[in-house]
Amino acid sequence: MAVENALKKYAKPFWKPSIKLFRDEKEMPTGSNLGASINHALENSGYMIYFASKEAAQSE
């Protein structure tokens, strides 16, 4: 994802490793506990950027 790569490049001081990003489609294996995984990622993060499609916003 272009946004992920841009964030890693922008937010990386030259003396430190790049920031850790959580993406549900990359971090969560099929059948995992979606709610627990997202809660854990949010509790351990300093920032959140949320992307959703129009279809996702309209779904139940």
N, C-alpha and C. Protein backbone atom coordinates (compact mmCIF):
# COMPACT_ATOMS: atom_id res chain seq x y z
N MET A 1 0.85 -1.17 0.00
CA MET A 1 0.00 0.00 0.00
C MET A 1 0.90 1.24 0.00
N ALA A 2 0.59 2.15 -0.86
CA ALA A 2 1.41 3.35 -1.02
C ALA A 2 1.42 4.20 0.25
N VAL A 3 0.28 4.31 0.92
CA VAL A 3 0.21 5.12 2.14
C VAL A 3 1.11 4.52 3.22
N GLU A 4 1.08 3.20 3.36
CA GLU A 4 1.93 2.53 4.36
C GLU A 4 3.41 2.81 4.08
N ASN A 5 3.82 2.66 2.84
CA ASN A 5 5.22 2.91 2.49
C ASN A 5 5.61 4.36 2.71
N ALA A 6 4.72 5.28 2.38
CA ALA A 6 5.00 6.70 2.59
C ALA A 6 5.12 7.03 4.08
N LEU A 7 4.24 6.46 4.91
CA LEU A 7 4.32 6.70 6.35
C LEU A 7 5.62 6.16 6.93
N LYS A 8 6.00 4.96 6.52
CA LYS A 8 7.24 4.37 7.03
C LYS A 8 8.45 5.22 6.63
N LYS A 9 8.42 5.75 5.44
CA LYS A 9 9.54 6.58 4.98
C LYS A 9 9.54 7.93 5.67
N TYR A 10 8.39 8.56 5.78
CA TYR A 10 8.28 9.89 6.37
C TYR A 10 8.58 9.88 7.87
N ALA A 11 8.09 8.88 8.57
CA ALA A 11 8.18 8.85 10.03
C ALA A 11 9.41 8.11 10.54
N LYS A 12 10.42 7.93 9.71
CA LYS A 12 11.60 7.16 10.11
C LYS A 12 12.81 8.07 10.28
N PRO A 13 13.20 8.31 11.53
CA PRO A 13 14.48 8.99 11.72
C PRO A 13 15.60 8.11 11.17
N PHE A 14 16.65 8.69 10.66
CA PHE A 14 17.70 7.89 10.03
C PHE A 14 18.42 6.97 11.02
N TRP A 15 18.35 7.23 12.31
CA TRP A 15 19.06 6.41 13.30
C TRP A 15 18.16 5.36 13.96
N LYS A 16 16.90 5.28 13.58
CA LYS A 16 15.96 4.33 14.20
C LYS A 16 15.30 3.48 13.12
N PRO A 17 14.80 2.31 13.51
CA PRO A 17 14.01 1.53 12.56
C PRO A 17 12.69 2.24 12.25
N SER A 18 12.06 1.88 11.16
CA SER A 18 10.80 2.53 10.81
C SER A 18 9.73 2.19 11.84
N ILE A 19 8.69 3.00 11.86
CA ILE A 19 7.61 2.80 12.82
C ILE A 19 6.86 1.51 12.50
N LYS A 20 6.24 0.93 13.52
CA LYS A 20 5.44 -0.27 13.32
C LYS A 20 4.04 0.16 12.96
N LEU A 21 3.54 -0.39 11.88
CA LEU A 21 2.18 -0.10 11.44
C LEU A 21 1.34 -1.37 11.54
N PHE A 22 0.12 -1.22 11.99
CA PHE A 22 -0.81 -2.34 12.07
C PHE A 22 -1.83 -2.20 10.95
N ARG A 23 -1.92 -3.22 10.13
CA ARG A 23 -2.94 -3.29 9.09
C ARG A 23 -3.66 -4.60 9.27
N ASP A 24 -4.97 -4.56 9.46
CA ASP A 24 -5.70 -5.78 9.74
C ASP A 24 -5.52 -6.83 8.65
N GLU A 25 -5.44 -6.42 7.40
CA GLU A 25 -5.31 -7.40 6.33
C GLU A 25 -3.92 -8.06 6.30
N LYS A 26 -2.92 -7.43 6.92
CA LYS A 26 -1.58 -8.01 6.96
C LYS A 26 -1.29 -8.70 8.28
N GLU A 27 -1.83 -8.19 9.37
CA GLU A 27 -1.47 -8.62 10.71
C GLU A 27 -2.33 -9.75 11.27
N MET A 28 -3.51 -9.95 10.71
CA MET A 28 -4.46 -10.88 11.32
C MET A 28 -4.69 -12.10 10.44
N PRO A 29 -4.34 -13.27 10.93
CA PRO A 29 -4.61 -14.49 10.16
C PRO A 29 -6.11 -14.77 10.13
N THR A 30 -6.54 -15.49 9.13
CA THR A 30 -7.94 -15.86 9.02
C THR A 30 -8.37 -16.63 10.26
N GLY A 31 -9.52 -16.29 10.80
CA GLY A 31 -10.03 -16.97 11.97
C GLY A 31 -9.58 -16.37 13.29
N SER A 32 -8.77 -15.32 13.24
CA SER A 32 -8.31 -14.71 14.49
C SER A 32 -9.43 -13.87 15.09
N ASN A 33 -9.26 -13.50 16.35
CA ASN A 33 -10.25 -12.69 17.06
C ASN A 33 -10.08 -11.23 16.64
N LEU A 34 -10.94 -10.80 15.74
CA LEU A 34 -10.84 -9.46 15.16
C LEU A 34 -10.88 -8.38 16.23
N GLY A 35 -11.86 -8.43 17.12
CA GLY A 35 -12.00 -7.40 18.15
C GLY A 35 -10.80 -7.32 19.07
N ALA A 36 -10.32 -8.46 19.53
CA ALA A 36 -9.17 -8.48 20.44
C ALA A 36 -7.91 -7.96 19.76
N SER A 37 -7.71 -8.33 18.50
CA SER A 37 -6.52 -7.88 17.78
C SER A 37 -6.54 -6.38 17.56
N ILE A 38 -7.69 -5.84 17.20
CA ILE A 38 -7.79 -4.40 16.98
C ILE A 38 -7.66 -3.65 18.30
N ASN A 39 -8.30 -4.14 19.36
CA ASN A 39 -8.17 -3.49 20.67
C ASN A 39 -6.71 -3.46 21.12
N HIS A 40 -6.01 -4.57 20.97
CA HIS A 40 -4.61 -4.63 21.37
C HIS A 40 -3.78 -3.62 20.58
N ALA A 41 -4.01 -3.55 19.26
CA ALA A 41 -3.26 -2.61 18.43
C ALA A 41 -3.55 -1.16 18.83
N LEU A 42 -4.82 -0.86 19.11
CA LEU A 42 -5.17 0.50 19.50
C LEU A 42 -4.59 0.87 20.86
N GLU A 43 -4.64 -0.05 21.82
CA GLU A 43 -4.10 0.23 23.15
C GLU A 43 -2.60 0.47 23.13
N ASN A 44 -1.92 -0.09 22.16
CA ASN A 44 -0.47 0.03 22.08
C ASN A 44 -0.01 1.00 21.00
N SER A 45 -0.89 1.90 20.60
CA SER A 45 -0.51 2.83 19.54
C SER A 45 -0.60 4.27 20.02
N GLY A 46 0.11 5.11 19.33
CA GLY A 46 0.07 6.54 19.64
C GLY A 46 -0.83 7.31 18.69
N TYR A 47 -1.09 6.73 17.52
CA TYR A 47 -1.88 7.39 16.50
C TYR A 47 -2.76 6.36 15.79
N MET A 48 -3.82 6.85 15.16
CA MET A 48 -4.68 5.97 14.37
C MET A 48 -5.10 6.70 13.10
N ILE A 49 -4.95 6.03 12.00
CA ILE A 49 -5.46 6.52 10.72
C ILE A 49 -6.41 5.43 10.22
N TYR A 50 -7.63 5.81 9.94
CA TYR A 50 -8.65 4.85 9.55
C TYR A 50 -9.06 5.11 8.10
N PHE A 51 -8.97 4.09 7.27
CA PHE A 51 -9.41 4.16 5.89
C PHE A 51 -10.55 3.17 5.70
N ALA A 52 -11.61 3.60 5.07
CA ALA A 52 -12.72 2.71 4.78
C ALA A 52 -13.37 3.14 3.47
N SER A 53 -13.91 2.18 2.78
CA SER A 53 -14.62 2.47 1.54
C SER A 53 -16.06 2.88 1.84
N LYS A 54 -16.70 3.45 0.87
CA LYS A 54 -18.11 3.81 1.00
C LYS A 54 -18.93 2.55 1.30
N GLU A 55 -18.59 1.46 0.64
CA GLU A 55 -19.31 0.19 0.86
C GLU A 55 -19.14 -0.30 2.29
N ALA A 56 -17.94 -0.17 2.84
CA ALA A 56 -17.70 -0.60 4.21
C ALA A 56 -18.51 0.24 5.19
N ALA A 57 -18.61 1.53 4.93
CA ALA A 57 -19.37 2.41 5.80
C ALA A 57 -20.87 2.10 5.77
N GLN A 58 -21.34 1.58 4.66
CA GLN A 58 -22.76 1.29 4.51
C GLN A 58 -23.14 -0.13 4.94
N SER A 59 -22.15 -0.97 5.19
CA SER A 59 -22.45 -2.36 5.54
C SER A 59 -22.90 -2.48 6.99
N GLU A 60 -23.62 -3.54 7.26
CA GLU A 60 -24.07 -3.79 8.64
C GLU A 60 -22.93 -4.31 9.46
